[in-house]
Amino acid sequence: MGQIRDIMCKDVITVEDDKSAADAAKIISDNDISFLVIIKDDLPIGVLSEKDFVRKLAAVNKNASETPISEIMSYKFRWVEPTTPIEDAIQKMLNNNIRRLLVLENGKLVGVITQTDLAAYLRDQLLVDGTIKSINTD
């Protein structure tokens, strides 16, 4: 297959850890994304997903403007390196039942890989494989 660097998204939307949940919600909405990477001193310290908003903010009736990101973000996140084989990243996502992996190089955020990225890659691989088989049988 290939390496994560071949299919990762390099344009990751981030937000500083000192912002409010309302600030983060606006960024998510404005960019039509499902999560943010939370950074402090240019290093990733956590992630904030739509699920975090529902479970840790809306479900407990917290005020988004008064709630710091640090109260609702997930500090635990999984990551891979750009040179990680795609198969290994898929296995890591399946084993941990997660939808995304941060891509870190020397501790710095360089990208993200999501289920959608992997599905698109695998679809393309299947199309290529199918075309090759079709050519070989003709």
Protein backbone atom coordinates (compact mmCIF):
# COMPACT_ATOMS: atom_id res chain seq x y z
CA MET A 1 0.00 0.00 0.00
CA GLY A 2 1.52 3.33 0.91
CA GLN A 3 2.36 5.54 3.81
CA ILE A 4 0.15 7.92 5.72
CA ARG A 5 2.01 10.90 4.21
CA ASP A 6 0.54 9.89 0.84
CA ILE A 7 -3.08 10.41 1.90
CA MET A 8 -3.09 12.57 5.04
CA CYS A 9 -4.75 15.97 5.14
CA LYS A 10 -2.08 18.58 5.80
CA ASP A 11 -4.43 21.51 6.38
CA VAL A 12 -5.54 20.80 9.92
CA ILE A 13 -7.75 23.34 11.66
CA THR A 14 -6.48 24.02 15.17
CA VAL A 15 -7.45 26.23 18.09
CA GLU A 16 -5.50 27.43 21.11
CA ASP A 17 -6.43 25.82 24.42
CA ASP A 18 -7.45 29.13 26.04
CA LYS A 19 -10.59 29.58 23.89
CA SER A 20 -14.18 28.96 24.94
CA ALA A 21 -16.41 26.16 23.72
CA ALA A 22 -18.42 28.80 21.82
CA ASP A 23 -15.26 29.93 20.00
CA ALA A 24 -14.51 26.34 19.04
CA ALA A 25 -18.09 25.70 17.92
CA LYS A 26 -17.93 28.71 15.61
CA ILE A 27 -14.68 27.49 14.05
CA ILE A 28 -16.16 24.02 13.52
CA SER A 29 -19.31 25.48 11.98
CA ASP A 30 -17.52 28.05 9.80
CA ASN A 31 -15.15 25.41 8.40
CA ASP A 32 -17.76 22.63 8.08
CA ILE A 33 -15.59 20.15 9.98
CA SER A 34 -16.31 17.62 12.71
CA PHE A 35 -13.37 18.18 15.05
CA LEU A 36 -10.55 20.50 16.05
CA VAL A 37 -7.05 19.84 17.26
CA ILE A 38 -6.35 21.76 20.46
CA ILE A 39 -2.87 23.20 20.67
CA LYS A 40 -0.76 24.83 23.33
CA ASP A 41 2.62 26.35 22.51
CA ASP A 42 2.25 24.99 18.94
CA LEU A 43 1.95 21.39 20.16
CA PRO A 44 -1.22 19.25 20.09
CA ILE A 45 -2.63 18.56 23.54
CA GLY A 46 -6.02 17.16 22.63
CA VAL A 47 -8.96 17.02 20.27
CA LEU A 48 -12.47 18.41 20.39
CA SER A 49 -15.17 16.63 18.42
CA GLU A 50 -18.84 17.19 17.83
CA LYS A 51 -19.42 14.25 20.17
CA ASP A 52 -17.58 16.15 22.93
CA PHE A 53 -19.96 19.09 22.46
CA VAL A 54 -23.00 16.85 22.73
CA ARG A 55 -21.88 14.74 25.69
CA LYS A 56 -19.94 17.26 27.75
CA LEU A 57 -21.72 20.52 26.97
CA ALA A 58 -25.24 20.20 25.59
CA ALA A 59 -26.25 17.07 27.53
CA VAL A 60 -25.30 18.71 30.83
CA ASN A 61 -26.70 22.10 29.86
CA LYS A 62 -23.43 24.06 30.11
CA ASN A 63 -23.13 27.54 28.64
CA ALA A 64 -20.73 27.37 25.68
CA SER A 65 -19.59 30.97 26.08
CA GLU A 66 -18.61 30.38 29.69
CA THR A 67 -17.08 26.93 29.27
CA PRO A 68 -13.39 26.70 28.44
CA ILE A 69 -12.33 24.16 25.84
CA SER A 70 -10.26 22.43 28.51
CA GLU A 71 -13.47 21.27 30.23
CA ILE A 72 -14.89 19.44 27.23
CA MET A 73 -11.92 18.42 25.07
CA SER A 74 -10.42 14.95 25.00
CA TYR A 75 -6.85 14.95 26.23
CA LYS A 76 -6.26 11.40 25.05
CA PHE A 77 -5.69 11.10 21.34
CA ARG A 78 -4.09 8.55 19.04
CA TRP A 79 -1.46 9.40 16.50
CA VAL A 80 0.81 8.02 13.82
CA GLU A 81 3.88 9.24 12.00
CA PRO A 82 3.86 10.25 8.31
CA THR A 83 5.90 7.14 7.47
CA THR A 84 3.41 4.78 9.12
CA PRO A 85 2.10 2.21 6.63
CA ILE A 86 -1.55 2.81 5.77
CA GLU A 87 -2.44 -0.74 6.85
CA ASP A 88 -1.05 -0.03 10.33
CA ALA A 89 -3.10 3.16 10.65
CA ILE A 90 -6.26 1.31 9.61
CA GLN A 91 -5.56 -1.38 12.19
CA LYS A 92 -4.93 1.22 14.90
CA MET A 93 -8.23 2.93 14.13
CA LEU A 94 -10.12 -0.38 14.17
CA ASN A 95 -8.45 -1.61 17.36
CA ASN A 96 -9.24 1.62 19.19
CA ASN A 97 -12.66 2.23 17.59
CA ILE A 98 -11.70 5.76 16.54
CA ARG A 99 -12.48 7.91 13.51
CA ARG A 100 -9.29 9.91 13.17
CA LEU A 101 -5.60 9.90 13.90
CA LEU A 102 -3.34 12.87 14.28
CA VAL A 103 -0.14 12.72 12.26
CA LEU A 104 2.86 13.86 14.28
CA GLU A 105 6.45 14.27 13.22
CA ASN A 106 8.92 14.89 16.05
CA GLY A 107 5.94 15.77 18.27
CA LYS A 108 4.66 18.44 15.88
CA LEU A 109 1.30 18.25 14.14
CA VAL A 110 1.78 17.75 10.40
CA GLY A 111 -1.58 16.31 9.40
CA VAL A 112 -4.59 14.20 10.19
CA ILE A 113 -6.05 11.03 8.73
CA THR A 114 -9.76 10.23 8.99
CA GLN A 115 -12.02 7.32 8.16
CA THR A 116 -13.18 9.28 5.14
CA ASP A 117 -9.60 9.65 3.86
CA LEU A 118 -9.01 5.93 4.28
CA ALA A 119 -12.29 4.98 2.61
CA ALA A 120 -11.46 7.19 -0.40
CA TYR A 121 -7.98 5.68 -0.64
CA LEU A 122 -9.29 2.12 -0.42
CA ARG A 123 -11.99 2.87 -3.02
CA ASP A 124 -9.31 4.18 -5.39
CA GLN A 125 -7.17 1.09 -4.74
CA LEU A 126 -10.11 -1.20 -5.52
CA LEU A 127 -10.83 0.71 -8.75
CA VAL A 128 -7.20 0.46 -9.81
CA ASP A 129 -7.06 -3.24 -8.94
CA GLY A 130 -10.30 -3.84 -10.84
CA THR A 131 -9.00 -2.00 -13.89
CA ILE A 132 -5.76 -3.98 -13.85
CA LYS A 133 -7.66 -7.26 -13.57
CA SER A 134 -9.93 -6.18 -16.43
CA ILE A 135 -6.97 -5.33 -18.64
CA ASN A 136 -5.25 -8.61 -17.80
CA THR A 137 -8.33 -10.68 -18.70
CA ASP A 138 -8.94 -8.89 -22.02
